[in-house]
N, C-alpha and C. Protein backbone atom coordinates (compact mmCIF):
# COMPACT_ATOMS: atom_id res chain seq x y z
N UNK A 1 9.29 -6.75 30.02
CA UNK A 1 9.60 -7.38 28.98
C UNK A 1 10.26 -8.76 28.88
N UNK A 2 9.77 -9.39 27.34
CA UNK A 2 10.41 -10.18 27.66
C UNK A 2 11.94 -10.55 27.17
N UNK A 3 12.91 -11.86 27.43
CA UNK A 3 14.27 -11.63 27.54
C UNK A 3 15.05 -11.46 25.88
N UNK A 4 14.14 -11.95 25.26
CA UNK A 4 14.45 -11.27 23.60
C UNK A 4 13.69 -10.60 23.74
N UNK A 5 13.12 -9.58 23.91
CA UNK A 5 12.57 -8.26 23.43
C UNK A 5 14.06 -7.35 24.32
N UNK A 6 14.13 -7.55 24.98
CA UNK A 6 15.35 -6.92 25.98
C UNK A 6 16.74 -6.86 25.20
N UNK A 7 17.26 -8.14 24.86
CA UNK A 7 18.29 -8.20 24.08
C UNK A 7 18.26 -7.52 22.78
N UNK A 8 16.68 -7.33 22.13
CA UNK A 8 16.68 -6.75 20.57
C UNK A 8 16.73 -5.18 21.01
N UNK A 9 16.35 -4.96 21.94
CA UNK A 9 16.64 -3.61 22.63
C UNK A 9 18.14 -3.16 22.58
N UNK A 10 18.85 -4.05 23.32
CA UNK A 10 20.17 -3.87 23.09
C UNK A 10 21.15 -3.47 21.83
N UNK A 11 20.59 -4.48 20.80
CA UNK A 11 20.94 -4.54 19.61
C UNK A 11 20.39 -3.25 18.95
N UNK A 12 18.57 -2.90 19.15
CA UNK A 12 18.62 -1.36 18.68
C UNK A 12 19.33 -0.36 18.91
N UNK A 13 19.82 -0.74 20.17
CA UNK A 13 20.73 0.75 20.25
C UNK A 13 21.92 0.88 19.62
N UNK A 14 22.51 -0.84 19.81
CA UNK A 14 24.30 -0.94 18.97
C UNK A 14 23.59 -0.75 17.57
N UNK A 15 22.94 -0.66 16.69
CA UNK A 15 22.39 -0.78 15.58
C UNK A 15 21.93 0.88 15.14
N UNK A 16 21.68 1.51 16.00
CA UNK A 16 21.76 2.83 16.05
C UNK A 16 22.70 3.60 15.79
N UNK A 17 24.02 3.31 16.66
CA UNK A 17 25.16 3.94 16.84
C UNK A 17 25.66 3.72 15.45
N UNK A 18 25.77 2.94 14.97
CA UNK A 18 26.64 2.06 13.88
C UNK A 18 25.94 2.75 12.72
N UNK A 19 24.38 3.10 12.63
CA UNK A 19 24.06 3.79 11.62
C UNK A 19 24.46 5.17 11.36
N UNK A 20 24.50 5.63 12.58
CA UNK A 20 25.47 7.34 12.64
C UNK A 20 26.59 6.63 12.35
N UNK A 21 27.10 6.16 12.66
CA UNK A 21 28.72 6.39 12.03
C UNK A 21 28.63 5.54 10.62
N UNK A 22 27.84 5.18 9.66
CA UNK A 22 28.11 5.32 8.36
C UNK A 22 27.28 6.45 7.53
N UNK A 23 26.52 7.25 8.44
CA UNK A 23 25.77 8.13 7.77
C UNK A 23 27.16 9.36 8.06
N UNK A 24 28.05 9.17 8.88
CA UNK A 24 29.11 9.73 8.61
C UNK A 24 30.01 9.82 7.84
N UNK A 25 30.29 8.18 7.74
CA UNK A 25 30.95 7.85 6.66
C UNK A 25 30.30 8.49 4.66
N UNK A 26 28.95 8.25 4.78
CA UNK A 26 28.51 8.50 4.03
C UNK A 26 29.09 10.31 3.73
N UNK A 27 28.18 10.95 4.26
CA UNK A 27 28.62 12.32 4.52
C UNK A 27 30.15 12.86 3.84
N UNK A 28 31.04 12.20 4.49
CA UNK A 28 32.36 12.45 4.01
C UNK A 28 33.30 11.65 2.74
N UNK A 29 32.26 11.22 2.69
CA UNK A 29 32.33 10.34 1.03
C UNK A 29 32.89 11.28 -0.28
N UNK A 30 33.50 11.04 -1.13
CA UNK A 30 33.59 11.92 -2.42
C UNK A 30 32.68 12.08 -3.43
N UNK A 31 32.36 13.42 -3.34
CA UNK A 31 31.08 13.67 -3.75
C UNK A 31 31.56 15.05 -4.64
N UNK A 32 31.00 15.37 -5.80
CA UNK A 32 31.02 13.53 -6.86
C UNK A 32 32.37 13.21 -7.38
N UNK A 33 31.85 11.66 -7.71
CA UNK A 33 33.06 11.19 -7.89
C UNK A 33 33.97 11.13 -8.94
N UNK A 34 35.00 11.40 -8.87
CA UNK A 34 36.22 11.66 -10.18
C UNK A 34 37.06 10.90 -10.10
N UNK A 35 36.82 9.67 -9.91
CA UNK A 35 37.97 8.45 -10.40
C UNK A 35 37.25 7.48 -10.06
N UNK A 36 37.83 6.37 -10.65
CA UNK A 36 37.11 4.89 -10.52
C UNK A 36 37.36 4.64 -8.71
N UNK A 37 38.60 4.82 -8.27
CA UNK A 37 38.59 4.74 -6.89
C UNK A 37 37.16 5.16 -6.21
N UNK A 38 36.81 6.41 -6.50
CA UNK A 38 35.89 7.33 -5.73
C UNK A 38 34.76 6.50 -5.76
N UNK A 39 34.30 6.14 -7.11
CA UNK A 39 32.99 5.21 -7.08
C UNK A 39 33.07 3.77 -6.79
N UNK A 40 34.17 3.20 -6.52
CA UNK A 40 34.52 1.99 -6.09
C UNK A 40 34.40 2.56 -4.41
N UNK A 41 34.50 3.70 -3.71
CA UNK A 41 34.46 4.03 -2.23
C UNK A 41 32.63 4.17 -1.94
N UNK A 42 32.12 4.47 -2.59
CA UNK A 42 30.24 5.12 -3.07
C UNK A 42 29.40 3.35 -2.94
N UNK A 43 30.10 3.08 -3.99
CA UNK A 43 29.16 1.74 -4.28
C UNK A 43 29.43 0.81 -3.00
N UNK A 44 30.78 0.96 -2.08
CA UNK A 44 31.30 0.15 -1.20
C UNK A 44 30.34 0.68 0.03
N UNK A 45 30.34 1.80 -0.12
CA UNK A 45 29.10 2.26 1.59
C UNK A 45 27.85 2.10 0.94
N UNK A 46 27.25 1.81 -0.02
CA UNK A 46 25.88 2.17 -0.49
C UNK A 46 25.54 0.36 -0.21
N UNK A 47 26.74 -0.37 -0.18
CA UNK A 47 26.05 -1.72 0.14
C UNK A 47 26.29 -2.07 1.77
N UNK A 48 26.94 -1.18 1.59
CA UNK A 48 27.14 -1.47 3.94
C UNK A 48 26.07 -0.89 4.67
N UNK A 49 25.27 0.36 4.09
CA UNK A 49 24.38 0.62 4.37
C UNK A 49 22.92 -0.34 3.94
N UNK A 50 22.72 -0.69 3.23
CA UNK A 50 22.06 -1.26 2.75
C UNK A 50 21.86 -2.51 3.73
N UNK A 51 22.44 -3.19 3.56
CA UNK A 51 22.88 -4.08 4.24
C UNK A 51 22.84 -3.99 5.75
N UNK A 52 23.17 -2.89 6.12
CA UNK A 52 22.88 -2.49 7.85
C UNK A 52 20.99 -3.04 8.12
N UNK A 53 20.44 -2.19 6.89
CA UNK A 53 19.09 -2.27 7.22
C UNK A 53 18.19 -3.61 7.07
N UNK A 54 19.02 -4.48 6.05
CA UNK A 54 18.55 -6.01 6.22
C UNK A 54 19.19 -6.66 7.52
N UNK A 55 20.02 -6.44 8.41
CA UNK A 55 20.13 -6.68 9.15
C UNK A 55 19.33 -6.67 10.35
N UNK A 56 18.90 -5.36 10.33
CA UNK A 56 17.60 -5.33 11.23
C UNK A 56 16.69 -5.85 11.66
N UNK A 57 16.31 -5.98 10.09
CA UNK A 57 14.71 -6.66 9.41
C UNK A 57 14.96 -8.41 9.92
N UNK A 58 16.11 -8.88 9.80
CA UNK A 58 16.79 -10.19 10.20
C UNK A 58 16.32 -10.52 11.34
N UNK A 59 17.02 -9.29 12.52
CA UNK A 59 16.96 -9.68 13.75
C UNK A 59 15.81 -9.83 14.34
N UNK A 60 15.09 -8.58 14.14
CA UNK A 60 13.56 -8.48 14.15
C UNK A 60 12.81 -9.81 14.26
N UNK A 61 13.13 -10.38 12.90
CA UNK A 61 12.55 -11.73 12.60
C UNK A 61 12.15 -12.74 13.83
N UNK A 62 13.60 -12.23 14.60
CA UNK A 62 13.67 -13.57 15.64
C UNK A 62 12.76 -13.34 16.87
N UNK A 63 12.09 -12.41 16.63
CA UNK A 63 11.15 -12.45 18.16
C UNK A 63 9.86 -12.54 17.30
N UNK A 64 8.86 -12.55 18.22
CA UNK A 64 7.41 -13.06 18.41
C UNK A 64 6.48 -11.76 17.70
N UNK A 65 5.75 -12.21 16.93
CA UNK A 65 5.03 -11.22 16.17
C UNK A 65 4.29 -9.90 17.06
N UNK A 66 3.56 -10.39 18.01
CA UNK A 66 3.17 -9.65 18.98
C UNK A 66 4.24 -8.55 19.38
N UNK A 67 5.16 -8.84 20.21
CA UNK A 67 6.02 -8.44 20.32
C UNK A 67 6.57 -7.28 19.52
N UNK A 68 7.20 -7.70 18.32
CA UNK A 68 7.13 -6.84 17.08
C UNK A 68 6.53 -5.50 17.15
N UNK A 69 5.32 -5.96 17.08
CA UNK A 69 3.76 -4.62 17.29
C UNK A 69 4.09 -3.51 18.25
N UNK A 70 4.10 -4.34 19.44
CA UNK A 70 4.23 -3.78 20.46
C UNK A 70 5.51 -2.74 20.75
N UNK A 71 6.10 -3.61 20.35
CA UNK A 71 7.86 -2.22 19.79
C UNK A 71 8.29 -1.69 21.15
N UNK A 72 8.03 -2.57 22.48
CA UNK A 72 8.56 -1.58 23.61
C UNK A 72 10.27 -0.84 23.42
N UNK A 73 11.25 -1.58 22.53
CA UNK A 73 12.20 -0.33 22.03
C UNK A 73 12.24 0.84 21.33
N UNK A 74 10.59 0.99 21.02
CA UNK A 74 10.57 2.47 20.24
C UNK A 74 9.78 3.59 21.33
N UNK A 75 10.09 4.81 20.88
CA UNK A 75 9.06 6.03 21.72
C UNK A 75 7.39 5.58 20.90
N UNK A 76 6.64 6.29 21.75
CA UNK A 76 5.02 6.30 21.22
C UNK A 76 4.98 6.90 20.38
N UNK A 77 5.92 8.09 20.07
CA UNK A 77 5.57 8.93 18.61
C UNK A 77 6.29 7.94 17.55
N UNK A 78 7.45 7.22 17.71
CA UNK A 78 7.52 6.26 16.55
C UNK A 78 6.71 5.23 16.51
N UNK A 79 6.01 5.11 17.62
CA UNK A 79 5.07 3.58 17.25
C UNK A 79 3.77 4.12 16.34
N UNK A 80 3.57 5.23 17.03
CA UNK A 80 2.11 6.20 15.87
C UNK A 80 2.28 6.29 14.68
N UNK A 81 3.82 6.65 14.21
CA UNK A 81 4.03 6.51 12.75
C UNK A 81 4.47 5.30 11.79
N UNK A 82 4.29 3.97 12.58
CA UNK A 82 4.58 2.88 12.10
C UNK A 82 3.38 2.35 11.22
N UNK A 83 3.71 1.83 9.96
CA UNK A 83 2.75 0.77 9.27
C UNK A 83 3.37 -0.79 9.32
N UNK A 84 2.18 -1.48 9.72
CA UNK A 84 2.89 -2.93 10.16
C UNK A 84 4.30 -3.19 10.64
N UNK A 85 4.55 -2.28 11.65
CA UNK A 85 5.67 -2.33 12.84
C UNK A 85 6.71 -1.74 12.23
N UNK A 86 6.78 -0.88 11.17
CA UNK A 86 7.99 -0.10 10.79
C UNK A 86 7.58 0.89 9.25
N UNK A 87 8.49 1.04 9.19
CA UNK A 87 8.15 2.79 8.56
C UNK A 87 8.12 2.30 6.86
N UNK A 88 6.84 2.35 6.64
CA UNK A 88 5.87 2.60 5.15
C UNK A 88 7.12 2.72 3.77
N UNK A 89 6.99 1.63 3.53
CA UNK A 89 7.85 2.06 2.34
C UNK A 89 7.52 2.78 0.97
N UNK A 90 6.34 3.14 1.11
CA UNK A 90 6.42 4.79 -0.33
C UNK A 90 6.68 6.14 0.40
N UNK A 91 7.00 5.88 1.73
CA UNK A 91 7.60 7.00 2.32
C UNK A 91 9.18 7.69 1.33
N UNK A 92 9.75 6.71 1.23
CA UNK A 92 10.97 6.67 0.48
C UNK A 92 10.68 7.28 -0.82
N UNK A 93 9.74 7.16 -1.49
CA UNK A 93 9.27 8.13 -2.79
C UNK A 93 8.85 9.65 -2.39
N UNK A 94 8.16 9.64 -1.47
CA UNK A 94 8.23 11.04 -1.25
C UNK A 94 9.41 11.40 -0.51
N UNK A 95 10.25 11.24 0.19
CA UNK A 95 11.64 11.72 1.01
C UNK A 95 12.53 12.10 -0.32
N UNK A 96 12.81 11.13 -1.46
CA UNK A 96 13.52 11.31 -2.30
C UNK A 96 12.91 12.23 -3.78
N UNK A 97 11.94 12.59 -3.71
CA UNK A 97 10.88 13.84 -4.37
C UNK A 97 11.00 14.70 -3.35
N UNK A 98 11.09 14.76 -2.66
CA UNK A 98 11.31 16.02 -1.91
C UNK A 98 12.61 16.93 -1.54
N UNK A 99 13.32 15.74 -1.55
CA UNK A 99 15.53 16.54 -1.50
C UNK A 99 15.28 16.44 -3.16
N UNK A 100 15.05 16.33 -4.13
CA UNK A 100 15.34 16.62 -5.41
C UNK A 100 15.00 17.96 -5.72
N UNK A 101 13.52 17.74 -5.37
CA UNK A 101 12.88 19.36 -5.42
C UNK A 101 13.99 20.17 -4.81
N UNK A 102 14.06 20.52 -3.55
CA UNK A 102 14.79 21.27 -2.81
C UNK A 102 16.31 21.57 -3.50
N UNK A 103 16.80 20.34 -3.87
CA UNK A 103 18.23 20.94 -4.80
C UNK A 103 17.94 21.68 -5.95
N UNK A 104 16.72 20.93 -6.55
CA UNK A 104 16.54 21.64 -7.88
C UNK A 104 16.33 22.90 -7.95
N UNK A 105 15.63 23.30 -7.05
CA UNK A 105 15.30 25.01 -6.85
C UNK A 105 16.50 25.75 -6.17
N UNK A 106 17.48 25.06 -5.43
CA UNK A 106 18.27 26.19 -5.08
C UNK A 106 19.54 25.60 -6.06
N UNK A 107 19.37 25.35 -7.49
CA UNK A 107 20.56 25.11 -8.44
C UNK A 107 19.47 25.74 -9.26
N UNK A 108 18.47 26.38 -9.76
CA UNK A 108 17.88 26.34 -10.79
C UNK A 108 18.53 27.04 -11.87
N UNK A 109 19.44 28.12 -11.67
CA UNK A 109 19.98 29.25 -12.25
C UNK A 109 21.08 28.09 -12.95
N UNK A 110 21.87 27.54 -12.12
CA UNK A 110 23.29 26.87 -13.17
C UNK A 110 21.74 25.72 -14.03
N UNK A 111 21.14 25.17 -13.61
CA UNK A 111 20.50 24.08 -14.92
C UNK A 111 20.20 24.68 -16.37
N UNK A 112 19.47 26.02 -15.92
CA UNK A 112 19.29 26.54 -16.50
C UNK A 112 20.20 27.05 -17.94
N UNK A 113 21.44 27.31 -17.34
CA UNK A 113 22.92 27.37 -17.79
C UNK A 113 23.39 26.17 -18.44
N UNK A 114 22.20 25.23 -18.27
CA UNK A 114 23.28 23.47 -18.72
C UNK A 114 24.20 23.18 -18.06
N UNK A 115 24.41 23.48 -16.97
CA UNK A 115 25.47 22.84 -15.93
C UNK A 115 24.70 21.54 -14.97
N UNK A 116 25.67 20.70 -14.93
CA UNK A 116 25.20 19.66 -14.51
C UNK A 116 25.73 19.21 -13.15
N UNK A 117 24.90 18.54 -12.22
CA UNK A 117 25.19 18.62 -10.84
C UNK A 117 25.54 17.18 -10.49
N UNK A 118 24.52 16.52 -11.23
CA UNK A 118 24.86 14.75 -10.83
C UNK A 118 24.34 14.53 -9.59
N UNK A 119 23.81 15.39 -8.80
CA UNK A 119 23.10 14.85 -7.43
C UNK A 119 21.50 14.15 -7.35
N UNK A 120 21.06 14.64 -6.54
CA UNK A 120 19.23 14.10 -6.67
C UNK A 120 18.83 15.21 -7.27
N UNK A 121 19.45 16.64 -7.26
CA UNK A 121 18.63 17.50 -8.01
C UNK A 121 18.52 17.53 -9.44
N UNK A 122 18.93 16.27 -9.76
CA UNK A 122 19.82 16.65 -11.49
C UNK A 122 19.41 14.91 -11.94
N UNK A 123 17.99 14.63 -11.62
CA UNK A 123 17.74 13.19 -11.89
C UNK A 123 16.98 13.45 -13.36
N UNK A 124 17.01 12.36 -14.13
CA UNK A 124 16.70 12.50 -15.70
C UNK A 124 15.47 11.94 -15.82
N UNK A 125 14.77 12.37 -16.63
CA UNK A 125 13.67 11.86 -17.28
C UNK A 125 13.20 10.46 -16.87
N UNK A 126 14.02 9.64 -17.28
CA UNK A 126 13.85 7.77 -17.19
C UNK A 126 13.62 7.61 -15.68
N UNK A 127 14.85 8.44 -15.15
CA UNK A 127 14.56 7.81 -13.40
C UNK A 127 13.34 8.27 -13.21
N UNK A 128 12.92 9.26 -13.17
CA UNK A 128 11.66 9.86 -12.88
C UNK A 128 10.29 8.81 -13.08
N UNK A 129 10.44 8.46 -14.57
CA UNK A 129 9.59 7.31 -15.26
C UNK A 129 9.62 6.21 -14.45
N UNK A 130 10.98 5.63 -13.98
CA UNK A 130 10.85 4.63 -13.49
C UNK A 130 10.21 4.26 -11.75
N UNK A 131 10.95 5.61 -10.92
CA UNK A 131 10.30 6.10 -9.71
C UNK A 131 9.07 6.17 -10.08
N UNK A 132 8.08 6.61 -10.96
CA UNK A 132 6.78 6.67 -10.71
C UNK A 132 5.97 4.74 -10.78
N UNK A 133 6.58 4.26 -11.89
CA UNK A 133 6.25 2.70 -11.83
C UNK A 133 6.29 2.18 -10.45
N UNK A 134 7.72 1.87 -10.13
CA UNK A 134 8.18 1.83 -8.95
C UNK A 134 6.89 2.17 -7.83
N UNK A 135 6.14 3.49 -8.02
CA UNK A 135 5.54 4.09 -6.84
C UNK A 135 4.45 3.10 -6.18
N UNK A 136 3.96 3.38 -8.03
CA UNK A 136 2.53 2.44 -7.97
C UNK A 136 2.38 1.23 -7.80
N UNK A 137 3.88 0.29 -8.15
CA UNK A 137 3.91 -1.04 -7.44
C UNK A 137 3.82 -1.00 -6.29
N UNK A 138 4.81 -0.22 -5.54
CA UNK A 138 4.79 -0.39 -4.11
C UNK A 138 3.80 -0.02 -3.03
N UNK A 139 2.68 0.92 -3.90
CA UNK A 139 1.29 1.68 -3.36
C UNK A 139 0.59 0.47 -3.52
N UNK A 140 0.59 -0.72 -4.26
CA UNK A 140 -0.61 -2.11 -4.51
C UNK A 140 0.15 -2.66 -3.84
N UNK A 141 1.26 -3.25 -3.64
CA UNK A 141 1.58 -4.13 -2.29
C UNK A 141 1.50 -4.12 -0.85
N UNK A 142 1.51 -2.52 -0.64
CA UNK A 142 1.24 -1.87 0.81
C UNK A 142 0.11 -2.19 0.93
N UNK A 143 -0.85 -2.34 0.04
CA UNK A 143 -2.65 -1.89 0.58
C UNK A 143 -2.57 -3.28 0.52
N UNK A 144 -2.43 -4.37 -0.35
CA UNK A 144 -2.20 -5.79 -0.27
C UNK A 144 -1.85 -6.50 1.49
N UNK A 145 -0.99 -5.96 1.58
CA UNK A 145 -0.54 -6.57 2.82
C UNK A 145 -1.49 -5.22 4.19
N UNK A 146 -1.63 -4.28 4.14
CA UNK A 146 -2.72 -3.58 5.21
C UNK A 146 -3.87 -4.39 5.00
N UNK A 147 -4.92 -4.85 3.36
CA UNK A 147 -5.54 -5.88 3.10
C UNK A 147 -5.50 -7.14 4.67
N UNK A 148 -4.82 -7.71 4.35
CA UNK A 148 -4.08 -9.10 5.09
C UNK A 148 -4.47 -8.64 6.26
N UNK A 149 -3.49 -8.01 7.30
CA UNK A 149 -3.70 -7.65 8.24
C UNK A 149 -4.99 -7.07 8.86
N UNK A 150 -5.40 -6.32 8.29
CA UNK A 150 -6.87 -6.10 8.27
C UNK A 150 -7.84 -6.89 8.75
N UNK A 151 -7.59 -8.05 7.79
CA UNK A 151 -8.29 -9.29 8.31
C UNK A 151 -8.08 -10.12 9.19
N UNK A 152 -7.01 -9.94 9.37
CA UNK A 152 -6.11 -10.96 10.69
C UNK A 152 -6.87 -10.14 11.70
N UNK A 153 -6.95 -8.74 12.18
CA UNK A 153 -7.12 -8.20 13.21
C UNK A 153 -8.91 -8.33 13.42
N UNK A 154 -9.89 -8.32 12.48
CA UNK A 154 -10.87 -8.95 12.37
C UNK A 154 -11.46 -9.99 12.57
N UNK A 155 -10.29 -10.81 12.07
CA UNK A 155 -11.06 -12.22 12.99
C UNK A 155 -10.50 -12.63 14.08
N UNK A 156 -9.30 -12.13 14.64
CA UNK A 156 -9.15 -11.72 16.33
C UNK A 156 -9.85 -11.42 16.98
N UNK A 157 -10.71 -10.17 16.21
CA UNK A 157 -11.33 -9.28 17.34
C UNK A 157 -12.55 -10.39 17.69
N UNK A 158 -12.96 -11.19 16.64
CA UNK A 158 -13.91 -12.03 16.72
C UNK A 158 -13.42 -13.25 17.75
N UNK A 159 -12.31 -13.69 17.69
CA UNK A 159 -11.98 -14.62 18.70
C UNK A 159 -11.86 -14.29 20.19
N UNK A 160 -11.38 -13.15 20.54
CA UNK A 160 -11.55 -12.89 21.37
C UNK A 160 -12.83 -11.78 21.89
N UNK A 161 -13.76 -11.74 21.18
CA UNK A 161 -14.96 -11.68 21.77
C UNK A 161 -16.06 -13.16 22.25
N UNK A 162 -15.14 -13.94 21.38
CA UNK A 162 -15.85 -15.31 22.06
C UNK A 162 -15.34 -15.94 23.29
N UNK A 163 -13.79 -15.79 23.56
CA UNK A 163 -13.01 -15.97 24.92
C UNK A 163 -13.54 -15.23 25.72
N UNK A 164 -13.68 -13.83 25.52
CA UNK A 164 -14.05 -13.13 26.47
C UNK A 164 -15.64 -12.48 26.65
N UNK A 165 -16.43 -12.96 25.94
CA UNK A 165 -18.10 -12.59 25.92
C UNK A 165 -18.70 -13.86 27.31
N UNK A 166 -19.82 -13.44 27.21
CA UNK A 166 -20.54 -14.46 27.61
C UNK A 166 -20.52 -14.30 29.63
N UNK A 167 -19.60 -13.71 30.09
CA UNK A 167 -19.55 -13.42 31.48
C UNK A 167 -18.32 -14.35 31.74
N UNK A 168 -17.47 -15.17 31.08
CA UNK A 168 -17.13 -16.45 31.08
C UNK A 168 -15.64 -16.11 31.83
N UNK A 169 -15.04 -14.61 31.23
CA UNK A 169 -13.99 -14.22 32.04
C UNK A 169 -13.30 -14.24 30.54
N UNK A 170 -12.13 -13.70 30.27
CA UNK A 170 -11.35 -13.50 29.16
C UNK A 170 -9.97 -13.88 29.28
N UNK A 171 -9.67 -14.90 28.53
CA UNK A 171 -8.42 -15.70 27.81
C UNK A 171 -7.89 -15.45 27.19
N UNK A 172 -7.47 -14.21 26.72
CA UNK A 172 -6.67 -13.45 25.60
C UNK A 172 -5.63 -14.46 25.07
N UNK A 173 -4.91 -14.98 26.05
CA UNK A 173 -4.07 -15.64 25.99
C UNK A 173 -4.12 -17.24 25.02
N UNK A 174 -5.24 -17.57 25.25
CA UNK A 174 -5.93 -18.87 24.90
C UNK A 174 -6.54 -18.23 23.81
N UNK A 175 -6.93 -17.08 23.13
CA UNK A 175 -7.81 -16.87 21.85
C UNK A 175 -6.56 -16.36 21.13
N UNK A 176 -5.29 -16.06 21.58
CA UNK A 176 -4.22 -15.89 20.60
C UNK A 176 -3.26 -17.26 20.74
N UNK A 177 -3.85 -17.99 20.90
CA UNK A 177 -2.43 -19.26 21.07
C UNK A 177 -3.55 -20.36 19.90
N UNK A 178 -2.55 -21.54 19.87
CA UNK A 178 -2.76 -22.58 18.90
C UNK A 178 -2.37 -22.09 17.38
N UNK A 179 -1.39 -21.54 17.35
CA UNK A 179 -0.48 -21.09 15.78
C UNK A 179 -1.56 -19.57 15.49
N UNK A 180 -2.36 -18.74 15.97
CA UNK A 180 -3.43 -18.16 15.41
C UNK A 180 -2.44 -16.70 15.08
N UNK A 181 -1.21 -16.76 16.05
CA UNK A 181 0.20 -15.63 15.17
C UNK A 181 0.75 -15.54 14.22
N UNK A 182 0.72 -17.49 13.52
CA UNK A 182 1.33 -17.64 12.19
C UNK A 182 1.17 -16.33 11.14
N UNK A 183 -0.01 -16.41 11.06
CA UNK A 183 -0.83 -15.48 9.91
C UNK A 183 -0.37 -14.18 9.83
N UNK A 184 -0.02 -13.31 11.30
CA UNK A 184 0.67 -12.35 11.37
C UNK A 184 2.09 -12.01 10.98
N UNK A 185 2.48 -12.95 11.63
CA UNK A 185 4.15 -13.25 11.16
C UNK A 185 4.45 -13.13 9.95
N UNK A 186 3.64 -14.08 8.99
CA UNK A 186 3.40 -13.88 7.48
C UNK A 186 3.27 -12.45 7.04
N UNK A 187 2.55 -12.02 7.69
CA UNK A 187 1.68 -10.58 7.25
C UNK A 187 3.41 -9.30 7.48
N UNK A 188 3.71 -9.46 8.60
CA UNK A 188 5.15 -9.28 8.86
C UNK A 188 6.50 -9.68 8.01
N UNK A 189 6.25 -10.42 7.66
CA UNK A 189 7.63 -10.81 6.70
C UNK A 189 7.22 -9.69 5.35
N UNK A 190 5.85 -10.02 4.92
CA UNK A 190 5.67 -9.67 3.64
C UNK A 190 5.99 -7.97 3.91
N UNK A 191 6.06 -7.34 4.79
CA UNK A 191 6.16 -6.00 5.02
C UNK A 191 7.28 -5.45 4.86
N UNK A 192 8.36 -5.99 6.08
CA UNK A 192 10.02 -6.33 5.94
C UNK A 192 10.32 -6.45 3.88
N UNK A 193 9.59 -7.65 3.75
CA UNK A 193 10.47 -7.56 2.62
C UNK A 193 10.10 -6.98 1.58
N UNK A 194 9.02 -5.67 1.77
CA UNK A 194 8.12 -4.88 0.92
C UNK A 194 9.72 -3.55 0.69
N UNK A 195 9.66 -3.59 2.65
CA UNK A 195 10.71 -2.51 2.65
C UNK A 195 12.13 -2.42 1.75
N UNK A 196 12.68 -3.46 2.34
CA UNK A 196 13.92 -3.82 1.70
C UNK A 196 13.86 -3.71 0.18
N UNK A 197 12.99 -4.39 -0.44
CA UNK A 197 12.60 -4.31 -1.86
C UNK A 197 13.01 -2.88 -2.54
N UNK A 198 11.94 -1.88 -1.65
CA UNK A 198 11.71 -0.41 -2.17
C UNK A 198 12.96 0.35 -2.01
N UNK A 199 14.23 -0.28 -0.46
CA UNK A 199 15.00 0.52 -0.78
C UNK A 199 15.87 0.38 -1.78
N UNK A 200 16.01 -1.13 -1.97
CA UNK A 200 17.00 -1.54 -3.04
C UNK A 200 16.49 -0.66 -4.63
N UNK A 201 15.46 -0.98 -4.63
CA UNK A 201 15.08 -0.77 -6.15
C UNK A 201 15.09 0.64 -6.57
N UNK A 202 15.03 1.58 -5.29
CA UNK A 202 15.58 3.05 -5.13
C UNK A 202 16.80 2.91 -5.71
N UNK A 203 17.36 2.59 -4.76
CA UNK A 203 19.16 2.93 -4.86
C UNK A 203 19.69 2.30 -6.64
N UNK A 204 19.12 1.49 -6.70
CA UNK A 204 19.45 0.95 -7.96
C UNK A 204 19.53 2.10 -9.26
N UNK A 205 18.07 2.21 -8.98
CA UNK A 205 17.83 3.68 -10.40
C UNK A 205 18.79 4.73 -10.09
N UNK A 206 19.02 4.92 -8.72
CA UNK A 206 20.15 6.06 -8.72
C UNK A 206 21.31 6.11 -8.82
N UNK A 207 22.42 6.94 -9.26
CA UNK A 207 23.66 7.18 -9.80
C UNK A 207 24.03 6.86 -8.31
N UNK A 208 25.84 6.38 -7.87
CA UNK A 208 26.22 6.10 -6.57
C UNK A 208 26.16 7.84 -6.05
N UNK A 209 26.52 8.74 -6.38
CA UNK A 209 26.35 10.07 -5.76
C UNK A 209 25.13 10.12 -5.13
N UNK A 210 23.71 10.11 -6.13
CA UNK A 210 22.63 10.21 -5.85
C UNK A 210 22.18 9.10 -4.63
N UNK A 211 22.91 8.02 -4.61
CA UNK A 211 22.28 6.51 -3.89
C UNK A 211 22.65 7.27 -2.61
N UNK A 212 24.26 7.98 -2.54
CA UNK A 212 24.27 7.86 -1.03
C UNK A 212 23.61 9.41 -0.64
N UNK A 213 23.37 10.37 -1.34
CA UNK A 213 22.65 11.61 -1.03
C UNK A 213 21.13 10.94 -0.47
N UNK A 214 21.00 10.03 -1.13
CA UNK A 214 19.40 9.53 -0.74
C UNK A 214 19.61 8.61 0.59
N UNK A 215 20.56 7.61 0.76
CA UNK A 215 20.82 7.48 2.00
C UNK A 215 20.58 7.95 3.14
N UNK A 216 22.11 9.09 3.15
CA UNK A 216 21.94 9.64 4.15
C UNK A 216 20.30 10.33 4.66
N UNK A 217 19.44 11.18 3.52
CA UNK A 217 18.76 11.63 4.02
C UNK A 217 17.20 10.53 4.63
N UNK A 218 17.45 9.47 3.93
CA UNK A 218 16.81 8.39 4.63
C UNK A 218 16.95 7.91 6.25
N UNK A 219 18.35 7.67 6.47
CA UNK A 219 18.40 7.45 7.77
C UNK A 219 18.59 8.69 8.58
N UNK A 220 18.54 9.59 8.19
CA UNK A 220 18.33 11.18 9.02
C UNK A 220 16.97 10.70 9.21
N UNK A 221 16.10 10.48 9.06
CA UNK A 221 14.61 10.30 8.57
C UNK A 221 14.38 9.54 9.65
């Protein structure tokens, strides 16, 4: 493992510890908020958590693209679930709908009596409509990034075949050199930008209480 990768592994461990602390703060936050101060507390925590995720991607971007893809700080199971070296943005929509459906089912009788809970089980038709629009937009952008990654992989396969074929021995480092990983770095950058854009977009369409509940579930995932 390189020095930078080793340093990032230490950062990752500290980052995970801090995330657990933030989740504990989210879990103990006043819900539902009943005063302006309560809403201020929730909004402040929401900002801290989203910024915490942004800090992770910023620190990761200091590594070279191939190290990011190999992700030596992750377990083999985590790596097997990665999309472009990280979590798949559309996972957030599946998570939100699952959480909402679960709460809706558990409080169906209260809802039938017209009682409002204000939590994720109380999403409005407007929120569902916007979520559907966001999901479609995100799926399209995910597909574009996946196609770009696939094109890079095909190009590199051809280069490696040239470098390693013909019984001349294989110099993979030479094949990957000469700035050929720059395109891969741009793909990674687009993927991380989409991750943060999706997270912020989902949080923005939720109420503070709903956003807190969603971020707890997302962090635990």
